[in-house]
Amino acid sequence: MLHGVDIRIVLGCALLGAIVAGTLALAAGTDYRARSFVIRVPPDFSGERGLALARGDEVLARALALAGEDEREAGWLRERSTAELTSRQDLSFTVEAPERDQSAALATAYAKAYREEIPPRPGLNTTGRGARDAQRTLGPVGWTLLGGAAGLWLGMAIAIVRQGRRGPQPPRRTEHARTA
């Protein structure tokens, strides 16, 4: 025991957290994530209405066609992407895919497909900004470390609570104290 905390509980939770997180991440594999934007969106194409349009089959299918992924269906892209409003009411499109180039191409195509749905407005130049590159997601190693850290925190909490339930322990007498 280290300062009254059972180190076995702490290490056990850390190990369990690392194993569980690493196994789940390993099963999922490593993907790449790319983000694109459509900016200066007219008010009637932002907000909930804009998000509904962005997640619709027509826009998703068009994005797949623009990216050259004709064999895929809209549901495939829906599962691997998000459309979100930014703080300035622009739209952000994020796509995760197994390959770096595929992820960037899909994110860019997604923004283009959405942009094509917005009719031109005088005085409002709605534009898209494609994905420049894709970044690797956290992956199995990162998730293992994160799971280990979460397990360490949880183990410390359990050990501290467990120690508190047992109450304060009287100090141990050492050999030197007994002979004195």
N, C-alpha and C. Protein backbone atom coordinates (compact mmCIF):
# COMPACT_ATOMS: atom_id res chain seq x y z
N MET A 1 0.84 -1.18 0.00
CA MET A 1 0.00 0.00 0.00
C MET A 1 0.88 1.24 0.00
N LEU A 2 0.48 2.21 -0.78
CA LEU A 2 1.22 3.44 -0.90
C LEU A 2 0.39 4.56 -0.31
N HIS A 3 0.78 5.11 0.82
CA HIS A 3 0.03 6.16 1.50
C HIS A 3 -1.41 5.75 1.75
N GLY A 4 -1.62 4.52 2.10
CA GLY A 4 -2.96 4.06 2.44
C GLY A 4 -3.81 3.67 1.24
N VAL A 5 -3.29 3.78 0.02
CA VAL A 5 -4.05 3.44 -1.17
C VAL A 5 -3.54 2.11 -1.69
N ASP A 6 -4.46 1.21 -1.96
CA ASP A 6 -4.08 -0.11 -2.47
C ASP A 6 -3.68 0.02 -3.93
N ILE A 7 -2.38 -0.07 -4.18
CA ILE A 7 -1.83 0.12 -5.52
C ILE A 7 -2.30 -0.97 -6.48
N ARG A 8 -2.66 -2.14 -5.97
CA ARG A 8 -3.13 -3.23 -6.83
C ARG A 8 -4.43 -2.84 -7.53
N ILE A 9 -5.31 -2.14 -6.83
CA ILE A 9 -6.57 -1.70 -7.45
C ILE A 9 -6.28 -0.68 -8.55
N VAL A 10 -5.39 0.24 -8.26
CA VAL A 10 -5.05 1.29 -9.23
C VAL A 10 -4.45 0.67 -10.49
N LEU A 11 -3.44 -0.18 -10.33
CA LEU A 11 -2.79 -0.79 -11.48
C LEU A 11 -3.73 -1.73 -12.24
N GLY A 12 -4.56 -2.45 -11.51
CA GLY A 12 -5.53 -3.35 -12.16
C GLY A 12 -6.52 -2.60 -13.03
N CYS A 13 -7.04 -1.49 -12.53
CA CYS A 13 -7.97 -0.67 -13.32
C CYS A 13 -7.28 -0.05 -14.52
N ALA A 14 -6.04 0.41 -14.35
CA ALA A 14 -5.29 1.01 -15.46
C ALA A 14 -5.05 -0.02 -16.55
N LEU A 15 -4.66 -1.21 -16.16
CA LEU A 15 -4.41 -2.29 -17.12
C LEU A 15 -5.70 -2.70 -17.82
N LEU A 16 -6.76 -2.85 -17.08
CA LEU A 16 -8.04 -3.22 -17.67
C LEU A 16 -8.53 -2.15 -18.65
N GLY A 17 -8.42 -0.88 -18.27
CA GLY A 17 -8.82 0.21 -19.16
C GLY A 17 -8.02 0.23 -20.44
N ALA A 18 -6.71 0.01 -20.34
CA ALA A 18 -5.85 0.00 -21.52
C ALA A 18 -6.19 -1.17 -22.44
N ILE A 19 -6.42 -2.33 -21.86
CA ILE A 19 -6.73 -3.52 -22.67
C ILE A 19 -8.07 -3.36 -23.39
N VAL A 20 -9.08 -2.91 -22.67
CA VAL A 20 -10.41 -2.74 -23.28
C VAL A 20 -10.37 -1.70 -24.40
N ALA A 21 -9.79 -0.54 -24.12
CA ALA A 21 -9.75 0.53 -25.13
C ALA A 21 -8.90 0.11 -26.32
N GLY A 22 -7.77 -0.52 -26.08
CA GLY A 22 -6.91 -0.96 -27.17
C GLY A 22 -7.55 -2.02 -28.03
N THR A 23 -8.25 -2.95 -27.41
CA THR A 23 -8.93 -4.01 -28.17
C THR A 23 -10.04 -3.44 -29.04
N LEU A 24 -10.84 -2.55 -28.48
CA LEU A 24 -11.92 -1.94 -29.26
C LEU A 24 -11.35 -1.12 -30.42
N ALA A 25 -10.28 -0.36 -30.17
CA ALA A 25 -9.68 0.45 -31.23
C ALA A 25 -9.03 -0.42 -32.30
N LEU A 26 -8.42 -1.51 -31.88
CA LEU A 26 -7.79 -2.41 -32.84
C LEU A 26 -8.83 -3.04 -33.75
N ALA A 27 -9.97 -3.37 -33.19
CA ALA A 27 -11.06 -3.94 -34.00
C ALA A 27 -11.59 -2.92 -35.00
N ALA A 28 -11.60 -1.65 -34.62
CA ALA A 28 -12.12 -0.60 -35.50
C ALA A 28 -11.09 -0.19 -36.56
N GLY A 29 -9.81 -0.36 -36.29
CA GLY A 29 -8.77 0.04 -37.23
C GLY A 29 -8.45 1.51 -37.15
N THR A 30 -7.55 1.95 -38.01
CA THR A 30 -7.15 3.35 -38.05
C THR A 30 -7.76 4.01 -39.27
N ASP A 31 -8.38 5.13 -39.07
CA ASP A 31 -8.97 5.88 -40.17
C ASP A 31 -8.30 7.24 -40.26
N TYR A 32 -8.65 7.94 -41.33
CA TYR A 32 -8.21 9.32 -41.52
C TYR A 32 -9.45 10.21 -41.49
N ARG A 33 -9.28 11.41 -40.98
CA ARG A 33 -10.38 12.35 -40.84
C ARG A 33 -10.03 13.64 -41.60
N ALA A 34 -10.97 14.08 -42.45
CA ALA A 34 -10.78 15.31 -43.21
C ALA A 34 -11.99 16.21 -43.00
N ARG A 35 -11.76 17.51 -43.07
CA ARG A 35 -12.85 18.47 -42.84
C ARG A 35 -12.87 19.51 -43.96
N SER A 36 -14.08 19.82 -44.40
CA SER A 36 -14.30 20.87 -45.40
C SER A 36 -15.40 21.79 -44.89
N PHE A 37 -15.57 22.94 -45.56
CA PHE A 37 -16.53 23.94 -45.10
C PHE A 37 -17.30 24.54 -46.27
N VAL A 38 -18.51 24.99 -45.98
CA VAL A 38 -19.26 25.86 -46.87
C VAL A 38 -19.52 27.12 -46.05
N ILE A 39 -19.02 28.24 -46.56
CA ILE A 39 -19.09 29.49 -45.79
C ILE A 39 -19.99 30.50 -46.48
N ARG A 40 -20.43 31.46 -45.67
CA ARG A 40 -21.39 32.48 -46.09
C ARG A 40 -22.67 31.83 -46.63
N VAL A 41 -23.22 30.97 -45.80
CA VAL A 41 -24.44 30.24 -46.15
C VAL A 41 -25.65 31.14 -45.91
N PRO A 42 -26.59 31.23 -46.86
CA PRO A 42 -27.81 32.03 -46.63
C PRO A 42 -28.57 31.50 -45.41
N PRO A 43 -29.23 32.37 -44.69
CA PRO A 43 -29.93 31.96 -43.47
C PRO A 43 -30.92 30.81 -43.67
N ASP A 44 -31.57 30.76 -44.83
CA ASP A 44 -32.54 29.70 -45.04
C ASP A 44 -31.88 28.36 -45.41
N PHE A 45 -30.54 28.33 -45.53
CA PHE A 45 -29.82 27.08 -45.78
C PHE A 45 -28.85 26.74 -44.66
N SER A 46 -28.97 27.42 -43.54
CA SER A 46 -28.17 27.08 -42.37
C SER A 46 -29.14 26.59 -41.29
N GLY A 47 -28.66 26.39 -40.12
CA GLY A 47 -29.52 25.92 -39.03
C GLY A 47 -30.00 24.49 -39.27
N GLU A 48 -31.10 24.15 -38.65
CA GLU A 48 -31.63 22.79 -38.73
C GLU A 48 -32.02 22.40 -40.15
N ARG A 49 -32.58 23.35 -40.89
CA ARG A 49 -32.97 23.06 -42.27
C ARG A 49 -31.74 22.72 -43.10
N GLY A 50 -30.69 23.48 -42.92
CA GLY A 50 -29.45 23.23 -43.65
C GLY A 50 -28.82 21.89 -43.30
N LEU A 51 -28.86 21.56 -42.01
CA LEU A 51 -28.32 20.27 -41.59
C LEU A 51 -29.13 19.11 -42.15
N ALA A 52 -30.45 19.26 -42.17
CA ALA A 52 -31.31 18.22 -42.74
C ALA A 52 -31.00 18.03 -44.22
N LEU A 53 -30.81 19.12 -44.93
CA LEU A 53 -30.46 19.04 -46.35
C LEU A 53 -29.11 18.35 -46.53
N ALA A 54 -28.13 18.72 -45.70
CA ALA A 54 -26.79 18.16 -45.80
C ALA A 54 -26.77 16.66 -45.53
N ARG A 55 -27.64 16.17 -44.67
CA ARG A 55 -27.66 14.75 -44.32
C ARG A 55 -28.61 13.95 -45.21
N GLY A 56 -29.25 14.61 -46.16
CA GLY A 56 -30.19 13.94 -47.05
C GLY A 56 -29.49 13.06 -48.07
N ASP A 57 -30.23 12.06 -48.55
CA ASP A 57 -29.69 11.11 -49.52
C ASP A 57 -29.19 11.78 -50.79
N GLU A 58 -29.88 12.83 -51.24
CA GLU A 58 -29.50 13.48 -52.50
C GLU A 58 -28.10 14.10 -52.41
N VAL A 59 -27.84 14.84 -51.35
CA VAL A 59 -26.52 15.47 -51.18
C VAL A 59 -25.45 14.41 -50.96
N LEU A 60 -25.74 13.41 -50.13
CA LEU A 60 -24.75 12.36 -49.86
C LEU A 60 -24.42 11.57 -51.13
N ALA A 61 -25.43 11.22 -51.92
CA ALA A 61 -25.20 10.48 -53.16
C ALA A 61 -24.40 11.33 -54.15
N ARG A 62 -24.70 12.62 -54.22
CA ARG A 62 -23.96 13.52 -55.11
C ARG A 62 -22.51 13.63 -54.67
N ALA A 63 -22.28 13.69 -53.37
CA ALA A 63 -20.90 13.75 -52.85
C ALA A 63 -20.13 12.49 -53.24
N LEU A 64 -20.75 11.34 -53.13
CA LEU A 64 -20.10 10.09 -53.51
C LEU A 64 -19.75 10.09 -54.99
N ALA A 65 -20.66 10.58 -55.81
CA ALA A 65 -20.41 10.65 -57.26
C ALA A 65 -19.26 11.60 -57.57
N LEU A 66 -19.24 12.77 -56.92
CA LEU A 66 -18.17 13.73 -57.15
C LEU A 66 -16.80 13.19 -56.73
N ALA A 67 -16.78 12.34 -55.70
CA ALA A 67 -15.53 11.77 -55.20
C ALA A 67 -15.13 10.50 -55.96
N GLY A 68 -15.96 10.08 -56.91
CA GLY A 68 -15.64 8.87 -57.67
C GLY A 68 -15.91 7.59 -56.91
N GLU A 69 -16.78 7.67 -55.92
CA GLU A 69 -17.14 6.50 -55.11
C GLU A 69 -18.53 6.01 -55.51
N ASP A 70 -18.74 5.80 -56.80
CA ASP A 70 -20.06 5.46 -57.33
C ASP A 70 -20.61 4.14 -56.81
N GLU A 71 -19.73 3.23 -56.41
CA GLU A 71 -20.21 1.92 -55.92
C GLU A 71 -20.77 1.99 -54.49
N ARG A 72 -20.56 3.08 -53.82
CA ARG A 72 -21.04 3.26 -52.44
C ARG A 72 -22.45 3.85 -52.44
N GLU A 73 -23.15 3.62 -51.33
CA GLU A 73 -24.49 4.19 -51.17
C GLU A 73 -24.45 5.32 -50.14
N ALA A 74 -25.50 6.14 -50.15
CA ALA A 74 -25.58 7.31 -49.27
C ALA A 74 -25.44 6.90 -47.80
N GLY A 75 -25.99 5.77 -47.40
CA GLY A 75 -25.90 5.32 -46.02
C GLY A 75 -24.47 5.09 -45.57
N TRP A 76 -23.62 4.64 -46.48
CA TRP A 76 -22.21 4.41 -46.16
C TRP A 76 -21.55 5.73 -45.76
N LEU A 77 -21.80 6.78 -46.55
CA LEU A 77 -21.20 8.08 -46.24
C LEU A 77 -21.84 8.69 -44.99
N ARG A 78 -23.13 8.50 -44.80
CA ARG A 78 -23.81 9.03 -43.62
C ARG A 78 -23.18 8.47 -42.34
N GLU A 79 -22.83 7.19 -42.34
CA GLU A 79 -22.23 6.55 -41.16
C GLU A 79 -20.82 7.07 -40.87
N ARG A 80 -20.13 7.55 -41.89
CA ARG A 80 -18.74 7.95 -41.75
C ARG A 80 -18.52 9.46 -41.78
N SER A 81 -19.61 10.21 -41.66
CA SER A 81 -19.48 11.66 -41.78
C SER A 81 -20.36 12.39 -40.78
N THR A 82 -20.04 13.66 -40.60
CA THR A 82 -20.89 14.56 -39.80
C THR A 82 -21.01 15.88 -40.54
N ALA A 83 -22.11 16.54 -40.32
CA ALA A 83 -22.32 17.91 -40.80
C ALA A 83 -22.70 18.72 -39.58
N GLU A 84 -21.99 19.83 -39.36
CA GLU A 84 -22.21 20.63 -38.17
C GLU A 84 -22.24 22.11 -38.52
N LEU A 85 -22.95 22.85 -37.70
CA LEU A 85 -22.94 24.31 -37.82
C LEU A 85 -21.75 24.85 -37.06
N THR A 86 -21.07 25.81 -37.66
CA THR A 86 -19.98 26.47 -36.94
C THR A 86 -20.57 27.64 -36.15
N SER A 87 -19.74 28.31 -35.40
CA SER A 87 -20.21 29.44 -34.59
C SER A 87 -20.71 30.59 -35.46
N ARG A 88 -20.26 30.65 -36.70
CA ARG A 88 -20.70 31.73 -37.61
C ARG A 88 -21.84 31.26 -38.53
N GLN A 89 -22.46 30.16 -38.20
CA GLN A 89 -23.57 29.58 -38.97
C GLN A 89 -23.14 29.10 -40.35
N ASP A 90 -21.86 28.81 -40.53
CA ASP A 90 -21.38 28.12 -41.72
C ASP A 90 -21.55 26.63 -41.47
N LEU A 91 -21.31 25.81 -42.48
CA LEU A 91 -21.40 24.37 -42.30
C LEU A 91 -20.03 23.73 -42.42
N SER A 92 -19.78 22.78 -41.55
CA SER A 92 -18.54 22.03 -41.53
C SER A 92 -18.88 20.57 -41.83
N PHE A 93 -18.11 19.95 -42.71
CA PHE A 93 -18.32 18.55 -43.08
C PHE A 93 -17.08 17.76 -42.73
N THR A 94 -17.24 16.70 -41.96
CA THR A 94 -16.12 15.86 -41.57
C THR A 94 -16.39 14.44 -42.05
N VAL A 95 -15.37 13.84 -42.66
CA VAL A 95 -15.50 12.48 -43.18
C VAL A 95 -14.32 11.65 -42.68
N GLU A 96 -14.63 10.43 -42.21
CA GLU A 96 -13.59 9.47 -41.84
C GLU A 96 -13.62 8.33 -42.83
N ALA A 97 -12.42 7.97 -43.32
CA ALA A 97 -12.30 6.89 -44.29
C ALA A 97 -10.97 6.18 -44.05
N PRO A 98 -10.84 4.95 -44.56
CA PRO A 98 -9.61 4.18 -44.32
C PRO A 98 -8.35 4.77 -44.96
N GLU A 99 -8.49 5.51 -46.05
CA GLU A 99 -7.34 6.06 -46.75
C GLU A 99 -7.33 7.58 -46.65
N ARG A 100 -6.13 8.14 -46.57
CA ARG A 100 -5.97 9.60 -46.44
C ARG A 100 -6.58 10.34 -47.63
N ASP A 101 -6.23 9.94 -48.85
CA ASP A 101 -6.75 10.62 -50.04
C ASP A 101 -8.26 10.46 -50.17
N GLN A 102 -8.76 9.30 -49.83
CA GLN A 102 -10.20 9.05 -49.91
C GLN A 102 -10.95 9.96 -48.94
N SER A 103 -10.43 10.11 -47.75
CA SER A 103 -11.08 10.96 -46.74
C SER A 103 -11.13 12.41 -47.21
N ALA A 104 -10.01 12.92 -47.71
CA ALA A 104 -9.96 14.31 -48.18
C ALA A 104 -10.87 14.51 -49.39
N ALA A 105 -10.88 13.55 -50.31
CA ALA A 105 -11.73 13.67 -51.51
C ALA A 105 -13.21 13.65 -51.14
N LEU A 106 -13.58 12.79 -50.21
CA LEU A 106 -14.98 12.71 -49.79
C LEU A 106 -15.43 13.97 -49.05
N ALA A 107 -14.58 14.50 -48.18
CA ALA A 107 -14.94 15.72 -47.46
C ALA A 107 -15.11 16.89 -48.42
N THR A 108 -14.21 17.01 -49.37
CA THR A 108 -14.29 18.09 -50.36
C THR A 108 -15.54 17.93 -51.22
N ALA A 109 -15.80 16.70 -51.67
CA ALA A 109 -16.99 16.43 -52.49
C ALA A 109 -18.27 16.69 -51.72
N TYR A 110 -18.26 16.40 -50.43
CA TYR A 110 -19.44 16.64 -49.59
C TYR A 110 -19.77 18.14 -49.56
N ALA A 111 -18.75 18.96 -49.36
CA ALA A 111 -18.97 20.42 -49.35
C ALA A 111 -19.46 20.90 -50.73
N LYS A 112 -18.87 20.37 -51.79
CA LYS A 112 -19.29 20.75 -53.15
C LYS A 112 -20.74 20.37 -53.40
N ALA A 113 -21.10 19.15 -53.00
CA ALA A 113 -22.47 18.68 -53.23
C ALA A 113 -23.47 19.55 -52.47
N TYR A 114 -23.13 19.94 -51.26
CA TYR A 114 -24.02 20.81 -50.50
C TYR A 114 -24.09 22.19 -51.14
N ARG A 115 -22.94 22.72 -51.54
CA ARG A 115 -22.88 24.04 -52.16
C ARG A 115 -23.74 24.10 -53.43
N GLU A 116 -23.77 23.01 -54.18
CA GLU A 116 -24.57 22.95 -55.41
C GLU A 116 -26.07 23.08 -55.14
N GLU A 117 -26.50 22.76 -53.92
CA GLU A 117 -27.92 22.82 -53.57
C GLU A 117 -28.37 24.25 -53.24
N ILE A 118 -27.43 25.15 -53.05
CA ILE A 118 -27.77 26.53 -52.67
C ILE A 118 -27.84 27.39 -53.92
N PRO A 119 -29.02 27.93 -54.22
CA PRO A 119 -29.12 28.79 -55.40
C PRO A 119 -28.34 30.10 -55.18
N PRO A 120 -27.82 30.68 -56.26
CA PRO A 120 -27.06 31.94 -56.13
C PRO A 120 -27.93 33.05 -55.56
N ARG A 121 -27.34 33.88 -54.73
CA ARG A 121 -28.02 35.02 -54.12
C ARG A 121 -27.23 36.28 -54.43
N PRO A 122 -27.91 37.32 -54.90
CA PRO A 122 -27.19 38.57 -55.14
C PRO A 122 -26.60 39.12 -53.83
N GLY A 123 -25.35 39.49 -53.88
CA GLY A 123 -24.70 40.09 -52.73
C GLY A 123 -24.19 39.09 -51.69
N LEU A 124 -24.41 37.80 -51.91
CA LEU A 124 -23.94 36.78 -50.96
C LEU A 124 -23.18 35.72 -51.73
N ASN A 125 -21.89 35.69 -51.54
CA ASN A 125 -21.04 34.77 -52.28
C ASN A 125 -20.77 33.53 -51.42
N THR A 126 -21.67 32.56 -51.47
CA THR A 126 -21.49 31.31 -50.73
C THR A 126 -20.40 30.51 -51.41
N THR A 127 -19.39 30.11 -50.64
CA THR A 127 -18.27 29.36 -51.20
C THR A 127 -17.97 28.14 -50.35
N GLY A 128 -17.25 27.23 -50.95
CA GLY A 128 -16.81 26.04 -50.23
C GLY A 128 -15.31 26.07 -50.08
N ARG A 129 -14.85 25.44 -49.02
CA ARG A 129 -13.41 25.27 -48.81
C ARG A 129 -13.15 23.79 -48.62
N GLY A 130 -12.48 23.20 -49.58
CA GLY A 130 -12.23 21.77 -49.55
C GLY A 130 -11.22 21.37 -48.50
N ALA A 131 -11.15 20.09 -48.26
CA ALA A 131 -10.18 19.55 -47.31
C ALA A 131 -8.79 19.59 -47.93
N ARG A 132 -7.85 20.17 -47.24
CA ARG A 132 -6.47 20.23 -47.74
C ARG A 132 -5.77 18.89 -47.56
N ASP A 133 -6.04 18.26 -46.44
CA ASP A 133 -5.41 16.99 -46.12
C ASP A 133 -6.25 16.29 -45.06
N ALA A 134 -5.95 15.05 -44.83
CA ALA A 134 -6.65 14.29 -43.79
C ALA A 134 -5.66 13.96 -42.68
N GLN A 135 -6.15 13.93 -41.48
CA GLN A 135 -5.33 13.61 -40.31
C GLN A 135 -5.67 12.21 -39.83
N ARG A 136 -4.69 11.53 -39.33
CA ARG A 136 -4.91 10.19 -38.78
C ARG A 136 -5.73 10.32 -37.50
N THR A 137 -6.70 9.42 -37.31
CA THR A 137 -7.47 9.42 -36.07
C THR A 137 -6.60 8.86 -34.95
N LEU A 138 -7.11 8.84 -33.76
CA LEU A 138 -6.33 8.44 -32.59
C LEU A 138 -5.69 7.06 -32.74
N GLY A 139 -6.39 6.09 -33.29
CA GLY A 139 -5.83 4.77 -33.55
C GLY A 139 -5.69 3.92 -32.29
N PRO A 140 -5.30 2.66 -32.47
CA PRO A 140 -5.20 1.73 -31.34
C PRO A 140 -4.22 2.14 -30.25
N VAL A 141 -3.06 2.66 -30.62
CA VAL A 141 -2.07 3.05 -29.60
C VAL A 141 -2.59 4.22 -28.77
N GLY A 142 -3.13 5.21 -29.43
CA GLY A 142 -3.67 6.37 -28.72
C GLY A 142 -4.81 6.00 -27.80
N TRP A 143 -5.72 5.15 -28.30
CA TRP A 143 -6.85 4.74 -27.46
C TRP A 143 -6.39 3.86 -26.29
N THR A 144 -5.35 3.06 -26.50
CA THR A 144 -4.81 2.25 -25.40
C THR A 144 -4.27 3.15 -24.30
N LEU A 145 -3.51 4.17 -24.68
CA LEU A 145 -2.98 5.10 -23.69
C LEU A 145 -4.10 5.86 -22.99
N LEU A 146 -5.07 6.30 -23.75
CA LEU A 146 -6.20 7.02 -23.16
C LEU A 146 -7.00 6.12 -22.22
N GLY A 147 -7.22 4.87 -22.62
CA GLY A 147 -7.92 3.92 -21.76
C GLY A 147 -7.14 3.63 -20.48
N GLY A 148 -5.81 3.52 -20.61
CA GLY A 148 -4.98 3.31 -19.43
C GLY A 148 -5.04 4.48 -18.47
N ALA A 149 -5.03 5.70 -19.01
CA ALA A 149 -5.14 6.89 -18.17
C ALA A 149 -6.50 6.96 -17.48
N ALA A 150 -7.56 6.64 -18.21
CA ALA A 150 -8.89 6.63 -17.60
C ALA A 150 -8.98 5.56 -16.52
N GLY A 151 -8.41 4.40 -16.78
CA GLY A 151 -8.39 3.33 -15.78
C GLY A 151 -7.59 3.71 -14.55
N LEU A 152 -6.49 4.42 -14.75
CA LEU A 152 -5.68 4.89 -13.63
C LEU A 152 -6.48 5.83 -12.75
N TRP A 153 -7.17 6.76 -13.38
CA TRP A 153 -8.01 7.71 -12.64
C TRP A 153 -9.12 6.98 -11.88
N LEU A 154 -9.79 6.07 -12.57
CA LEU A 154 -10.86 5.31 -11.93
C LEU A 154 -10.33 4.44 -10.79
N GLY A 155 -9.19 3.82 -11.01
CA GLY A 155 -8.57 3.00 -9.95
C GLY A 155 -8.23 3.80 -8.72
N MET A 156 -7.69 5.01 -8.93
CA MET A 156 -7.38 5.88 -7.79
C MET A 156 -8.66 6.24 -7.04
N ALA A 157 -9.71 6.56 -7.78
CA ALA A 157 -10.97 6.93 -7.13
C ALA A 157 -11.52 5.75 -6.32
N ILE A 158 -11.49 4.56 -6.90
CA ILE A 158 -12.00 3.37 -6.18
C ILE A 158 -11.16 3.11 -4.94
N ALA A 159 -9.84 3.18 -5.08
CA ALA A 159 -8.96 2.90 -3.95
C ALA A 159 -9.15 3.92 -2.83
N ILE A 160 -9.33 5.18 -3.18
CA ILE A 160 -9.53 6.22 -2.16
C ILE A 160 -10.86 6.02 -1.45
N VAL A 161 -11.91 5.74 -2.20
CA VAL A 161 -13.23 5.49 -1.58
C VAL A 161 -13.17 4.25 -0.70
N ARG A 162 -12.52 3.23 -1.18
CA ARG A 162 -12.39 1.98 -0.40
C ARG A 162 -11.62 2.23 0.90
N GLN A 163 -10.57 3.02 0.81
CA GLN A 163 -9.77 3.35 2.00
C GLN A 163 -10.61 4.15 2.99
N GLY A 164 -11.42 5.08 2.48
CA GLY A 164 -12.27 5.90 3.36
C GLY A 164 -13.31 5.07 4.08
N ARG A 165 -13.80 4.02 3.47
CA ARG A 165 -14.81 3.17 4.11
C ARG A 165 -14.23 2.34 5.24
N ARG A 166 -12.95 2.01 5.12
CA ARG A 166 -12.32 1.23 6.18
C ARG A 166 -11.98 2.09 7.38
N GLY A 167 -11.95 3.40 7.19
CA GLY A 167 -11.62 4.30 8.29
C GLY A 167 -10.13 4.43 8.46
N PRO A 168 -9.72 5.34 9.33
CA PRO A 168 -8.29 5.56 9.53
C PRO A 168 -7.66 4.33 10.20
N GLN A 169 -6.50 3.97 9.73
CA GLN A 169 -5.76 2.83 10.27
C GLN A 169 -4.77 3.33 11.32
N PRO A 170 -4.65 2.63 12.44
CA PRO A 170 -3.66 3.05 13.44
C PRO A 170 -2.26 2.85 12.88
N PRO A 171 -1.32 3.69 13.29
CA PRO A 171 0.05 3.55 12.77
C PRO A 171 0.64 2.21 13.20
N ARG A 172 1.41 1.64 12.32
CA ARG A 172 2.07 0.37 12.64
C ARG A 172 3.27 0.64 13.54
N ARG A 173 3.46 -0.26 14.43
CA ARG A 173 4.63 -0.15 15.29
C ARG A 173 5.78 -0.87 14.64
N THR A 174 6.90 -0.24 14.62
CA THR A 174 8.10 -0.86 14.02
C THR A 174 8.87 -1.57 15.12
N GLU A 175 9.83 -2.39 14.71
CA GLU A 175 10.67 -3.11 15.68
C GLU A 175 11.38 -2.13 16.61
N HIS A 176 11.83 -1.04 16.05
CA HIS A 176 12.56 -0.07 16.83
C HIS A 176 11.66 0.54 17.91
N ALA A 177 10.38 0.77 17.60
CA ALA A 177 9.48 1.36 18.56
C ALA A 177 9.14 0.37 19.68
N ARG A 178 9.13 -0.90 19.37
CA ARG A 178 8.80 -1.92 20.39
C ARG A 178 9.91 -2.07 21.42
N THR A 179 11.14 -1.94 21.02
CA THR A 179 12.25 -2.15 21.93
C THR A 179 12.54 -0.91 22.76
N ALA A 180 12.06 0.19 22.38
CA ALA A 180 12.38 1.42 23.11
C ALA A 180 11.56 1.61 24.34
